[in-house]
Amino acid sequence: MALGAKRFGGPAHRADRIKIMVADPYKLPAYLSDLGGNDPDAHHADPSQLIRIVRNFLDVSPAGVPLPGPTRLAESFALFAAGLPALAREIEHRPQEVGGFKNYRTYLWCVGEFLKRAA
């Protein structure tokens, strides 16, 4: 969809950048082989690698300020992951019910709540 928006979405999307990530290198299905010259970065299912890839791709905040380094972001993620079970219980969820792929909107609420409380 991102490639389609970039190609056909008009001037507002022409400069959009995308980042493709996979758990293991060279494992993309054949039907994804033509990604317009965008080679995926492998994160090997390691959250710290995934954080590094995304941080280095984005590089700056929407305000143009450099993002913290990947080590600092990984430390923050570890704090969030440690606090996630308690946040889940506060909203009457079991910790295993809240995850990015399992229940995205609830997970996003937990992220927002963690950030509010950390500020």
PDB file of N, CA and C in Angstrom:
ATOM      1  N   MET A   1       0.820  -1.186   0.000  1.00  0.00           N
ATOM      2  CA  MET A   1       0.000   0.000   0.000  1.00  0.00           C
ATOM      3  C   MET A   1       0.871   1.260   0.000  1.00  0.00           C
ATOM      4  N   ALA A   2       1.961   1.232   0.761  1.00  0.00           N
ATOM      5  CA  ALA A   2       2.838   2.402   0.814  1.00  0.00           C
ATOM      6  C   ALA A   2       3.442   2.693  -0.554  1.00  0.00           C
ATOM      7  N   LEU A   3       3.835   1.638  -1.259  1.00  0.00           N
ATOM      8  CA  LEU A   3       4.396   1.838  -2.594  1.00  0.00           C
ATOM      9  C   LEU A   3       3.340   2.375  -3.545  1.00  0.00           C
ATOM     10  N   GLY A   4       2.110   1.886  -3.417  1.00  0.00           N
ATOM     11  CA  GLY A   4       1.023   2.387  -4.254  1.00  0.00           C
ATOM     12  C   GLY A   4       0.723   3.848  -3.988  1.00  0.00           C
ATOM     13  N   ALA A   5       0.719   4.240  -2.698  1.00  0.00           N
ATOM     14  CA  ALA A   5       0.483   5.647  -2.350  1.00  0.00           C
ATOM     15  C   ALA A   5       1.595   6.526  -2.896  1.00  0.00           C
ATOM     16  N   LYS A   6       2.804   6.032  -2.814  1.00  0.00           N
ATOM     17  CA  LYS A   6       3.949   6.796  -3.322  1.00  0.00           C
ATOM     18  C   LYS A   6       3.844   6.970  -4.839  1.00  0.00           C
ATOM     19  N   ARG A   7       3.429   5.914  -5.517  1.00  0.00           N
ATOM     20  CA  ARG A   7       3.383   5.935  -6.981  1.00  0.00           C
ATOM     21  C   ARG A   7       2.165   6.667  -7.524  1.00  0.00           C
ATOM     22  N   PHE A   8       0.984   6.419  -6.889  1.00  0.00           N
ATOM     23  CA  PHE A   8      -0.256   6.927  -7.462  1.00  0.00           C
ATOM     24  C   PHE A   8      -0.975   7.947  -6.579  1.00  0.00           C
ATOM     25  N   GLY A   9      -0.435   8.259  -5.420  1.00  0.00           N
ATOM     26  CA  GLY A   9      -1.128   9.107  -4.458  1.00  0.00           C
ATOM     27  C   GLY A   9      -1.006  10.599  -4.670  1.00  0.00           C
ATOM     28  N   GLY A  10      -0.394  11.020  -5.720  1.00  0.00           N
ATOM     29  CA  GLY A  10      -0.288  12.446  -5.980  1.00  0.00           C
ATOM     30  C   GLY A  10       0.951  13.049  -5.348  1.00  0.00           C
ATOM     31  N   PRO A  11       1.117  14.349  -5.540  1.00  0.00           N
ATOM     32  CA  PRO A  11       2.331  15.036  -5.096  1.00  0.00           C
ATOM     33  C   PRO A  11       2.599  14.914  -3.595  1.00  0.00           C
ATOM     34  N   ALA A  12       1.571  14.840  -2.796  1.00  0.00           N
ATOM     35  CA  ALA A  12       1.754  14.774  -1.346  1.00  0.00           C
ATOM     36  C   ALA A  12       2.488  13.507  -0.918  1.00  0.00           C
ATOM     37  N   HIS A  13       2.433  12.459  -1.723  1.00  0.00           N
ATOM     38  CA  HIS A  13       3.044  11.186  -1.342  1.00  0.00           C
ATOM     39  C   HIS A  13       4.291  10.844  -2.152  1.00  0.00           C
ATOM     40  N   ARG A  14       4.640  11.631  -3.135  1.00  0.00           N
ATOM     41  CA  ARG A  14       5.782  11.307  -3.985  1.00  0.00           C
ATOM     42  C   ARG A  14       7.091  11.218  -3.206  1.00  0.00           C
ATOM     43  N   ALA A  15       7.245  12.049  -2.191  1.00  0.00           N
ATOM     44  CA  ALA A  15       8.497  12.062  -1.428  1.00  0.00           C
ATOM     45  C   ALA A  15       8.464  11.116  -0.227  1.00  0.00           C
ATOM     46  N   ASP A  16       7.350  10.404  -0.033  1.00  0.00           N
ATOM     47  CA  ASP A  16       7.261   9.482   1.098  1.00  0.00           C
ATOM     48  C   ASP A  16       8.355   8.432   1.017  1.00  0.00           C
ATOM     49  N   ARG A  17       8.897   8.097   2.171  1.00  0.00           N
ATOM     50  CA  ARG A  17       9.893   7.026   2.243  1.00  0.00           C
ATOM     51  C   ARG A  17       9.261   5.838   2.951  1.00  0.00           C
ATOM     52  N   ILE A  18       9.719   4.661   2.632  1.00  0.00           N
ATOM     53  CA  ILE A  18       9.226   3.463   3.305  1.00  0.00           C
ATOM     54  C   ILE A  18      10.414   2.645   3.780  1.00  0.00           C
ATOM     55  N   LYS A  19      10.175   1.807   4.777  1.00  0.00           N
ATOM     56  CA  LYS A  19      11.190   0.881   5.287  1.00  0.00           C
ATOM     57  C   LYS A  19      10.533  -0.488   5.332  1.00  0.00           C
ATOM     58  N   ILE A  20      11.161  -1.447   4.737  1.00  0.00           N
ATOM     59  CA  ILE A  20      10.672  -2.819   4.713  1.00  0.00           C
ATOM     60  C   ILE A  20      11.539  -3.634   5.654  1.00  0.00           C
ATOM     61  N   MET A  21      10.881  -4.371   6.567  1.00  0.00           N
ATOM     62  CA  MET A  21      11.620  -5.192   7.530  1.00  0.00           C
ATOM     63  C   MET A  21      11.089  -6.618   7.498  1.00  0.00           C
ATOM     64  N   VAL A  22      11.978  -7.543   7.708  1.00  0.00           N
ATOM     65  CA  VAL A  22      11.637  -8.951   7.774  1.00  0.00           C
ATOM     66  C   VAL A  22      12.373  -9.570   8.947  1.00  0.00           C
ATOM     67  N   ALA A  23      11.846 -10.684   9.458  1.00  0.00           N
ATOM     68  CA  ALA A  23      12.515 -11.346  10.581  1.00  0.00           C
ATOM     69  C   ALA A  23      13.845 -11.943  10.138  1.00  0.00           C
ATOM     70  N   ASP A  24      13.861 -12.576   8.980  1.00  0.00           N
ATOM     71  CA  ASP A  24      15.077 -13.226   8.490  1.00  0.00           C
ATOM     72  C   ASP A  24      15.377 -12.753   7.068  1.00  0.00           C
ATOM     73  N   PRO A  25      16.662 -12.527   6.767  1.00  0.00           N
ATOM     74  CA  PRO A  25      16.992 -12.074   5.414  1.00  0.00           C
ATOM     75  C   PRO A  25      16.699 -13.144   4.365  1.00  0.00           C
ATOM     76  N   TYR A  26      16.406 -12.687   3.178  1.00  0.00           N
ATOM     77  CA  TYR A  26      16.214 -13.557   2.009  1.00  0.00           C
ATOM     78  C   TYR A  26      15.040 -14.516   2.163  1.00  0.00           C
ATOM     79  N   LYS A  27      14.034 -14.152   2.960  1.00  0.00           N
ATOM     80  CA  LYS A  27      12.882 -15.030   3.165  1.00  0.00           C
ATOM     81  C   LYS A  27      11.592 -14.462   2.591  1.00  0.00           C
ATOM     82  N   LEU A  28      11.678 -13.388   1.835  1.00  0.00           N
ATOM     83  CA  LEU A  28      10.453 -12.825   1.266  1.00  0.00           C
ATOM     84  C   LEU A  28       9.850 -13.791   0.265  1.00  0.00           C
ATOM     85  N   PRO A  29       8.532 -13.937   0.309  1.00  0.00           N
ATOM     86  CA  PRO A  29       7.887 -14.799  -0.694  1.00  0.00           C
ATOM     87  C   PRO A  29       8.131 -14.247  -2.103  1.00  0.00           C
ATOM     88  N   ALA A  30       8.052 -15.109  -3.067  1.00  0.00           N
ATOM     89  CA  ALA A  30       8.331 -14.731  -4.450  1.00  0.00           C
ATOM     90  C   ALA A  30       7.442 -13.590  -4.927  1.00  0.00           C
ATOM     91  N   TYR A  31       6.185 -13.538  -4.483  1.00  0.00           N
ATOM     92  CA  TYR A  31       5.289 -12.493  -4.947  1.00  0.00           C
ATOM     93  C   TYR A  31       5.660 -11.117  -4.398  1.00  0.00           C
ATOM     94  N   LEU A  32       6.573 -11.046  -3.443  1.00  0.00           N
ATOM     95  CA  LEU A  32       7.036  -9.759  -2.927  1.00  0.00           C
ATOM     96  C   LEU A  32       8.416  -9.401  -3.456  1.00  0.00           C
ATOM     97  N   SER A  33       8.896 -10.150  -4.414  1.00  0.00           N
ATOM     98  CA  SER A  33      10.272  -9.956  -4.857  1.00  0.00           C
ATOM     99  C   SER A  33      10.507  -8.611  -5.531  1.00  0.00           C
ATOM    100  N   ASP A  34       9.488  -8.019  -6.140  1.00  0.00           N
ATOM    101  CA  ASP A  34       9.674  -6.730  -6.801  1.00  0.00           C
ATOM    102  C   ASP A  34       9.107  -5.624  -5.923  1.00  0.00           C
ATOM    103  N   LEU A  35       9.952  -5.049  -5.116  1.00  0.00           N
ATOM    104  CA  LEU A  35       9.540  -3.980  -4.217  1.00  0.00           C
ATOM    105  C   LEU A  35      10.133  -2.650  -4.637  1.00  0.00           C
ATOM    106  N   GLY A  36      10.303  -2.475  -5.925  1.00  0.00           N
ATOM    107  CA  GLY A  36      10.767  -1.203  -6.443  1.00  0.00           C
ATOM    108  C   GLY A  36      12.137  -0.790  -5.946  1.00  0.00           C
ATOM    109  N   GLY A  37      13.046  -1.750  -5.802  1.00  0.00           N
ATOM    110  CA  GLY A  37      14.396  -1.425  -5.374  1.00  0.00           C
ATOM    111  C   GLY A  37      14.542  -1.204  -3.882  1.00  0.00           C
ATOM    112  N   ASN A  38      13.520  -1.549  -3.096  1.00  0.00           N
ATOM    113  CA  ASN A  38      13.573  -1.393  -1.651  1.00  0.00           C
ATOM    114  C   ASN A  38      13.969  -2.721  -1.020  1.00  0.00           C
ATOM    115  N   ASP A  39      15.206  -2.828  -0.598  1.00  0.00           N
ATOM    116  CA  ASP A  39      15.669  -4.054   0.028  1.00  0.00           C
ATOM    117  C   ASP A  39      15.302  -4.056   1.506  1.00  0.00           C
ATOM    118  N   PRO A  40      14.758  -5.167   2.009  1.00  0.00           N
ATOM    119  CA  PRO A  40      14.363  -5.211   3.418  1.00  0.00           C
ATOM    120  C   PRO A  40      15.575  -5.315   4.344  1.00  0.00           C
ATOM    121  N   ASP A  41      15.406  -4.804   5.549  1.00  0.00           N
ATOM    122  CA  ASP A  41      16.398  -4.976   6.612  1.00  0.00           C
ATOM    123  C   ASP A  41      15.915  -6.092   7.519  1.00  0.00           C
ATOM    124  N   ALA A  42      16.787  -7.027   7.856  1.00  0.00           N
ATOM    125  CA  ALA A  42      16.425  -8.149   8.722  1.00  0.00           C
ATOM    126  C   ALA A  42      16.643  -7.770  10.181  1.00  0.00           C
ATOM    127  N   HIS A  43      15.615  -8.006  10.991  1.00  0.00           N
ATOM    128  CA  HIS A  43      15.717  -7.714  12.421  1.00  0.00           C
ATOM    129  C   HIS A  43      15.873  -8.978  13.263  1.00  0.00           C
ATOM    130  N   HIS A  44      15.759 -10.146  12.648  1.00  0.00           N
ATOM    131  CA  HIS A  44      15.963 -11.437  13.303  1.00  0.00           C
ATOM    132  C   HIS A  44      15.086 -11.603  14.544  1.00  0.00           C
ATOM    133  N   ALA A  45      13.880 -11.020  14.527  1.00  0.00           N
ATOM    134  CA  ALA A  45      12.929 -11.091  15.637  1.00  0.00           C
ATOM    135  C   ALA A  45      13.520 -10.566  16.944  1.00  0.00           C
ATOM    136  N   ASP A  46      14.465  -9.664  16.848  1.00  0.00           N
ATOM    137  CA  ASP A  46      15.125  -9.061  18.011  1.00  0.00           C
ATOM    138  C   ASP A  46      14.624  -7.624  18.140  1.00  0.00           C
ATOM    139  N   PRO A  47      13.869  -7.317  19.206  1.00  0.00           N
ATOM    140  CA  PRO A  47      13.327  -5.962  19.347  1.00  0.00           C
ATOM    141  C   PRO A  47      14.388  -4.869  19.281  1.00  0.00           C
ATOM    142  N   SER A  48      15.576  -5.109  19.823  1.00  0.00           N
ATOM    143  CA  SER A  48      16.596  -4.060  19.782  1.00  0.00           C
ATOM    144  C   SER A  48      17.066  -3.793  18.349  1.00  0.00           C
ATOM    145  N   GLN A  49      17.116  -4.827  17.519  1.00  0.00           N
ATOM    146  CA  GLN A  49      17.474  -4.634  16.112  1.00  0.00           C
ATOM    147  C   GLN A  49      16.360  -3.892  15.369  1.00  0.00           C
ATOM    148  N   LEU A  50      15.123  -4.256  15.654  1.00  0.00           N
ATOM    149  CA  LEU A  50      13.984  -3.590  15.032  1.00  0.00           C
ATOM    150  C   LEU A  50      13.976  -2.108  15.409  1.00  0.00           C
ATOM    151  N   ILE A  51      14.216  -1.817  16.682  1.00  0.00           N
ATOM    152  CA  ILE A  51      14.275  -0.426  17.144  1.00  0.00           C
ATOM    153  C   ILE A  51      15.393   0.319  16.423  1.00  0.00           C
ATOM    154  N   ARG A  52      16.557  -0.298  16.284  1.00  0.00           N
ATOM    155  CA  ARG A  52      17.681   0.333  15.603  1.00  0.00           C
ATOM    156  C   ARG A  52      17.324   0.665  14.153  1.00  0.00           C
ATOM    157  N   ILE A  53      16.698  -0.291  13.458  1.00  0.00           N
ATOM    158  CA  ILE A  53      16.344  -0.083  12.049  1.00  0.00           C
ATOM    159  C   ILE A  53      15.359   1.072  11.905  1.00  0.00           C
ATOM    160  N   VAL A  54      14.307   1.059  12.714  1.00  0.00           N
ATOM    161  CA  VAL A  54      13.285   2.106  12.610  1.00  0.00           C
ATOM    162  C   VAL A  54      13.863   3.454  13.015  1.00  0.00           C
ATOM    163  N   ARG A  55      14.628   3.502  14.111  1.00  0.00           N
ATOM    164  CA  ARG A  55      15.214   4.760  14.565  1.00  0.00           C
ATOM    165  C   ARG A  55      16.136   5.352  13.502  1.00  0.00           C
ATOM    166  N   ASN A  56      16.981   4.517  12.933  1.00  0.00           N
ATOM    167  CA  ASN A  56      17.917   5.026  11.928  1.00  0.00           C
ATOM    168  C   ASN A  56      17.206   5.427  10.637  1.00  0.00           C
ATOM    169  N   PHE A  57      16.092   4.787  10.338  1.00  0.00           N
ATOM    170  CA  PHE A  57      15.314   5.159   9.159  1.00  0.00           C
ATOM    171  C   PHE A  57      14.633   6.512   9.376  1.00  0.00           C
ATOM    172  N   LEU A  58      14.013   6.691  10.530  1.00  0.00           N
ATOM    173  CA  LEU A  58      13.311   7.942  10.809  1.00  0.00           C
ATOM    174  C   LEU A  58      14.286   9.078  11.098  1.00  0.00           C
ATOM    175  N   ASP A  59      15.289   8.829  11.893  1.00  0.00           N
ATOM    176  CA  ASP A  59      16.395   9.745  12.192  1.00  0.00           C
ATOM    177  C   ASP A  59      16.008  10.962  13.011  1.00  0.00           C
ATOM    178  N   VAL A  60      14.934  11.637  12.656  1.00  0.00           N
ATOM    179  CA  VAL A  60      14.533  12.852  13.361  1.00  0.00           C
ATOM    180  C   VAL A  60      13.050  12.797  13.716  1.00  0.00           C
ATOM    181  N   SER A  61      12.667  13.578  14.725  1.00  0.00           N
ATOM    182  CA  SER A  61      11.265  13.686  15.116  1.00  0.00           C
ATOM    183  C   SER A  61      10.524  14.519  14.079  1.00  0.00           C
ATOM    184  N   PRO A  62       9.189  14.554  14.140  1.00  0.00           N
ATOM    185  CA  PRO A  62       8.451  15.424  13.212  1.00  0.00           C
ATOM    186  C   PRO A  62       8.871  16.894  13.313  1.00  0.00           C
ATOM    187  N   ALA A  63       9.392  17.288  14.478  1.00  0.00           N
ATOM    188  CA  ALA A  63       9.849  18.669  14.658  1.00  0.00           C
ATOM    189  C   ALA A  63      11.262  18.890  14.105  1.00  0.00           C
ATOM    190  N   GLY A  64      11.892  17.833  13.597  1.00  0.00           N
ATOM    191  CA  GLY A  64      13.221  17.949  13.023  1.00  0.00           C
ATOM    192  C   GLY A  64      14.355  17.762  14.011  1.00  0.00           C
ATOM    193  N   VAL A  65      14.042  17.360  15.227  1.00  0.00           N
ATOM    194  CA  VAL A  65      15.050  17.138  16.265  1.00  0.00           C
ATOM    195  C   VAL A  65      15.564  15.702  16.154  1.00  0.00           C
ATOM    196  N   PRO A  66      16.872  15.489  16.219  1.00  0.00           N
ATOM    197  CA  PRO A  66      17.386  14.114  16.152  1.00  0.00           C
ATOM    198  C   PRO A  66      16.774  13.231  17.244  1.00  0.00           C
ATOM    199  N   LEU A  67      16.402  12.032  16.868  1.00  0.00           N
ATOM    200  CA  LEU A  67      15.851  11.074  17.829  1.00  0.00           C
ATOM    201  C   LEU A  67      16.951  10.568  18.755  1.00  0.00           C
ATOM    202  N   PRO A  68      16.572  10.124  19.958  1.00  0.00           N
ATOM    203  CA  PRO A  68      17.573   9.498  20.820  1.00  0.00           C
ATOM    204  C   PRO A  68      18.184   8.297  20.100  1.00  0.00           C
ATOM    205  N   GLY A  69      19.353   7.890  20.544  1.00  0.00           N
ATOM    206  CA  GLY A  69      20.018   6.743  19.934  1.00  0.00           C
ATOM    207  C   GLY A  69      19.261   5.446  20.162  1.00  0.00           C
ATOM    208  N   PRO A  70      19.559   4.425  19.356  1.00  0.00           N
ATOM    209  CA  PRO A  70      18.832   3.166  19.464  1.00  0.00           C
ATOM    210  C   PRO A  70      18.988   2.496  20.829  1.00  0.00           C
ATOM    211  N   THR A  71      20.125   2.662  21.483  1.00  0.00           N
ATOM    212  CA  THR A  71      20.307   2.056  22.806  1.00  0.00           C
ATOM    213  C   THR A  71      19.344   2.678  23.803  1.00  0.00           C
ATOM    214  N   ARG A  72      19.223   3.994  23.781  1.00  0.00           N
ATOM    215  CA  ARG A  72      18.292   4.686  24.695  1.00  0.00           C
ATOM    216  C   ARG A  72      16.853   4.287  24.394  1.00  0.00           C
ATOM    217  N   LEU A  73      16.494   4.195  23.134  1.00  0.00           N
ATOM    218  CA  LEU A  73      15.139   3.793  22.775  1.00  0.00           C
ATOM    219  C   LEU A  73      14.864   2.355  23.198  1.00  0.00           C
ATOM    220  N   ALA A  74      15.850   1.473  23.060  1.00  0.00           N
ATOM    221  CA  ALA A  74      15.683   0.078  23.489  1.00  0.00           C
ATOM    222  C   ALA A  74      15.509   0.001  25.004  1.00  0.00           C
ATOM    223  N   GLU A  75      16.228   0.852  25.741  1.00  0.00           N
ATOM    224  CA  GLU A  75      16.062   0.893  27.201  1.00  0.00           C
ATOM    225  C   GLU A  75      14.639   1.330  27.562  1.00  0.00           C
ATOM    226  N   SER A  76      14.128   2.337  26.863  1.00  0.00           N
ATOM    227  CA  SER A  76      12.758   2.799  27.107  1.00  0.00           C
ATOM    228  C   SER A  76      11.756   1.704  26.775  1.00  0.00           C
ATOM    229  N   PHE A  77      11.994   0.991  25.685  1.00  0.00           N
ATOM    230  CA  PHE A  77      11.094  -0.105  25.317  1.00  0.00           C
ATOM    231  C   PHE A  77      11.105  -1.200  26.380  1.00  0.00           C
ATOM    232  N   ALA A  78      12.280  -1.495  26.938  1.00  0.00           N
ATOM    233  CA  ALA A  78      12.370  -2.511  27.992  1.00  0.00           C
ATOM    234  C   ALA A  78      11.558  -2.087  29.216  1.00  0.00           C
ATOM    235  N   LEU A  79      11.610  -0.800  29.569  1.00  0.00           N
ATOM    236  CA  LEU A  79      10.796  -0.303  30.682  1.00  0.00           C
ATOM    237  C   LEU A  79       9.304  -0.452  30.374  1.00  0.00           C
ATOM    238  N   PHE A  80       8.927  -0.114  29.145  1.00  0.00           N
ATOM    239  CA  PHE A  80       7.534  -0.272  28.740  1.00  0.00           C
ATOM    240  C   PHE A  80       7.109  -1.742  28.814  1.00  0.00           C
ATOM    241  N   ALA A  81       7.931  -2.629  28.272  1.00  0.00           N
ATOM    242  CA  ALA A  81       7.596  -4.062  28.270  1.00  0.00           C
ATOM    243  C   ALA A  81       7.446  -4.587  29.693  1.00  0.00           C
ATOM    244  N   ALA A  82       8.288  -4.107  30.615  1.00  0.00           N
ATOM    245  CA  ALA A  82       8.199  -4.543  32.008  1.00  0.00           C
ATOM    246  C   ALA A  82       6.918  -4.026  32.667  1.00  0.00           C
ATOM    247  N   GLY A  83       6.472  -2.832  32.274  1.00  0.00           N
ATOM    248  CA  GLY A  83       5.271  -2.255  32.854  1.00  0.00           C
ATOM    249  C   GLY A  83       3.985  -2.648  32.166  1.00  0.00           C
ATOM    250  N   LEU A  84       4.076  -3.256  30.999  1.00  0.00           N
ATOM    251  CA  LEU A  84       2.885  -3.609  30.224  1.00  0.00           C
ATOM    252  C   LEU A  84       1.937  -4.556  30.960  1.00  0.00           C
ATOM    253  N   PRO A  85       2.407  -5.578  31.649  1.00  0.00           N
ATOM    254  CA  PRO A  85       1.458  -6.453  32.351  1.00  0.00           C
ATOM    255  C   PRO A  85       0.582  -5.698  33.364  1.00  0.00           C
ATOM    256  N   ALA A  86       1.171  -4.778  34.109  1.00  0.00           N
ATOM    257  CA  ALA A  86       0.387  -4.012  35.087  1.00  0.00           C
ATOM    258  C   ALA A  86      -0.627  -3.116  34.382  1.00  0.00           C
ATOM    259  N   LEU A  87      -0.225  -2.475  33.282  1.00  0.00           N
ATOM    260  CA  LEU A  87      -1.157  -1.651  32.513  1.00  0.00           C
ATOM    261  C   LEU A  87      -2.311  -2.496  31.986  1.00  0.00           C
ATOM    262  N   ALA A  88      -1.991  -3.675  31.490  1.00  0.00           N
ATOM    263  CA  ALA A  88      -3.028  -4.563  30.961  1.00  0.00           C
ATOM    264  C   ALA A  88      -4.017  -4.948  32.066  1.00  0.00           C
ATOM    265  N   ARG A  89      -3.494  -5.284  33.236  1.00  0.00           N
ATOM    266  CA  ARG A  89      -4.383  -5.666  34.342  1.00  0.00           C
ATOM    267  C   ARG A  89      -5.278  -4.503  34.768  1.00  0.00           C
ATOM    268  N   GLU A  90      -4.759  -3.274  34.689  1.00  0.00           N
ATOM    269  CA  GLU A  90      -5.562  -2.094  35.050  1.00  0.00           C
ATOM    270  C   GLU A  90      -6.811  -1.975  34.187  1.00  0.00           C
ATOM    271  N   ILE A  91      -6.737  -2.438  32.973  1.00  0.00           N
ATOM    272  CA  ILE A  91      -7.887  -2.346  32.066  1.00  0.00           C
ATOM    273  C   ILE A  91      -8.536  -3.716  31.858  1.00  0.00           C
ATOM    274  N   GLU A  92      -8.315  -4.588  32.840  1.00  0.00           N
ATOM    275  CA  GLU A  92      -8.951  -5.906  32.889  1.00  0.00           C
ATOM    276  C   GLU A  92      -8.636  -6.788  31.685  1.00  0.00           C
ATOM    277  N   HIS A  93      -7.383  -6.744  31.292  1.00  0.00           N
ATOM    278  CA  HIS A  93      -6.859  -7.641  30.262  1.00  0.00           C
ATOM    279  C   HIS A  93      -5.783  -8.512  30.897  1.00  0.00           C
ATOM    280  N   ARG A  94      -5.629  -9.679  30.380  1.00  0.00           N
ATOM    281  CA  ARG A  94      -4.469 -10.479  30.742  1.00  0.00           C
ATOM    282  C   ARG A  94      -3.299  -9.957  29.912  1.00  0.00           C
ATOM    283  N   PRO A  95      -2.095  -9.959  30.481  1.00  0.00           N
ATOM    284  CA  PRO A  95      -0.951  -9.421  29.734  1.00  0.00           C
ATOM    285  C   PRO A  95      -0.776 -10.035  28.345  1.00  0.00           C
ATOM    286  N   GLN A  96      -1.028 -11.330  28.211  1.00  0.00           N
ATOM    287  CA  GLN A  96      -0.840 -11.985  26.907  1.00  0.00           C
ATOM    288  C   GLN A  96      -1.903 -11.588  25.893  1.00  0.00           C
ATOM    289  N   GLU A  97      -2.955 -10.896  26.339  1.00  0.00           N
ATOM    290  CA  GLU A  97      -3.995 -10.439  25.411  1.00  0.00           C
ATOM    291  C   GLU A  97      -3.644  -9.096  24.758  1.00  0.00           C
ATOM    292  N   VAL A  98      -2.628  -8.440  25.271  1.00  0.00           N
ATOM    293  CA  VAL A  98      -2.270  -7.113  24.773  1.00  0.00           C
ATOM    294  C   VAL A  98      -0.940  -7.208  24.040  1.00  0.00           C
ATOM    295  N   GLY A  99      -0.982  -6.969  22.756  1.00  0.00           N
ATOM    296  CA  GLY A  99       0.233  -6.991  21.955  1.00  0.00           C
ATOM    297  C   GLY A  99      -0.036  -6.312  20.627  1.00  0.00           C
ATOM    298  N   GLY A 100       1.017  -5.862  19.996  1.00  0.00           N
ATOM    299  CA  GLY A 100       0.882  -5.135  18.744  1.00  0.00           C
ATOM    300  C   GLY A 100       0.092  -5.859  17.675  1.00  0.00           C
ATOM    301  N   PHE A 101       0.255  -7.172  17.577  1.00  0.00           N
ATOM    302  CA  PHE A 101      -0.453  -7.930  16.546  1.00  0.00           C
ATOM    303  C   PHE A 101      -1.754  -8.521  17.069  1.00  0.00           C
ATOM    304  N   LYS A 102      -1.892  -8.623  18.378  1.00  0.00           N
ATOM    305  CA  LYS A 102      -3.065  -9.273  18.959  1.00  0.00           C
ATOM    306  C   LYS A 102      -4.229  -8.309  19.144  1.00  0.00           C
ATOM    307  N   ASN A 103      -3.934  -7.122  19.639  1.00  0.00           N
ATOM    308  CA  ASN A 103      -4.964  -6.171  20.009  1.00  0.00           C
ATOM    309  C   ASN A 103      -4.349  -4.778  19.879  1.00  0.00           C
ATOM    310  N   TYR A 104      -4.168  -4.325  18.663  1.00  0.00           N
ATOM    311  CA  TYR A 104      -3.376  -3.130  18.382  1.00  0.00           C
ATOM    312  C   TYR A 104      -3.891  -1.892  19.097  1.00  0.00           C
ATOM    313  N   ARG A 105      -5.187  -1.651  19.071  1.00  0.00           N
ATOM    314  CA  ARG A 105      -5.719  -0.423  19.673  1.00  0.00           C
ATOM    315  C   ARG A 105      -5.491  -0.403  21.183  1.00  0.00           C
ATOM    316  N   THR A 106      -5.658  -1.527  21.827  1.00  0.00           N
ATOM    317  CA  THR A 106      -5.407  -1.597  23.265  1.00  0.00           C
ATOM    318  C   THR A 106      -3.919  -1.435  23.538  1.00  0.00           C
ATOM    319  N   TYR A 107      -3.106  -2.055  22.720  1.00  0.00           N
ATOM    320  CA  TYR A 107      -1.651  -1.918  22.861  1.00  0.00           C
ATOM    321  C   TYR A 107      -1.251  -0.449  22.701  1.00  0.00           C
ATOM    322  N   LEU A 108      -1.822   0.221  21.724  1.00  0.00           N
ATOM    323  CA  LEU A 108      -1.534   1.630  21.496  1.00  0.00           C
ATOM    324  C   LEU A 108      -1.959   2.472  22.696  1.00  0.00           C
ATOM    325  N   TRP A 109      -3.094   2.157  23.300  1.00  0.00           N
ATOM    326  CA  TRP A 109      -3.523   2.858  24.507  1.00  0.00           C
ATOM    327  C   TRP A 109      -2.490   2.669  25.612  1.00  0.00           C
ATOM    328  N   CYS A 110      -1.998   1.444  25.774  1.00  0.00           N
ATOM    329  CA  CYS A 110      -0.983   1.166  26.797  1.00  0.00           C
ATOM    330  C   CYS A 110       0.294   1.959  26.543  1.00  0.00           C
ATOM    331  N   VAL A 111       0.706   2.067  25.292  1.00  0.00           N
ATOM    332  CA  VAL A 111       1.883   2.867  24.953  1.00  0.00           C
ATOM    333  C   VAL A 111       1.652   4.316  25.361  1.00  0.00           C
ATOM    334  N   GLY A 112       0.504   4.863  24.981  1.00  0.00           N
ATOM    335  CA  GLY A 112       0.186   6.244  25.324  1.00  0.00           C
ATOM    336  C   GLY A 112       0.145   6.470  26.828  1.00  0.00           C
ATOM    337  N   GLU A 113      -0.452   5.550  27.547  1.00  0.00           N
ATOM    338  CA  GLU A 113      -0.536   5.662  29.005  1.00  0.00           C
ATOM    339  C   GLU A 113       0.854   5.581  29.636  1.00  0.00           C
ATOM    340  N   PHE A 114       1.684   4.689  29.131  1.00  0.00           N
ATOM    341  CA  PHE A 114       3.058   4.590  29.628  1.00  0.00           C
ATOM    342  C   PHE A 114       3.803   5.908  29.411  1.00  0.00           C
ATOM    343  N   LEU A 115       3.662   6.478  28.230  1.00  0.00           N
ATOM    344  CA  LEU A 115       4.344   7.735  27.922  1.00  0.00           C
ATOM    345  C   LEU A 115       3.848   8.885  28.795  1.00  0.00           C
ATOM    346  N   LYS A 116       2.533   8.932  29.038  1.00  0.00           N
ATOM    347  CA  LYS A 116       1.989   9.973  29.917  1.00  0.00           C
ATOM    348  C   LYS A 116       2.568   9.851  31.319  1.00  0.00           C
ATOM    349  N   ARG A 117       2.639   8.640  31.820  1.00  0.00           N
ATOM    350  CA  ARG A 117       3.106   8.427  33.174  1.00  0.00           C
ATOM    351  C   ARG A 117       4.620   8.636  33.292  1.00  0.00           C
ATOM    352  N   ALA A 118       5.337   8.425  32.202  1.00  0.00           N
ATOM    353  CA  ALA A 118       6.801   8.583  32.228  1.00  0.00           C
ATOM    354  C   ALA A 118       7.211  10.056  32.151  1.00  0.00           C
ATOM    355  N   ALA A 119       6.299  10.895  31.668  1.00  0.00           N
ATOM    356  CA  ALA A 119       6.640  12.319  31.465  1.00  0.00           C
ATOM    357  C   ALA A 119       6.709  13.092  32.768  1.00  0.00           C
TER     358      ALA A 119
END
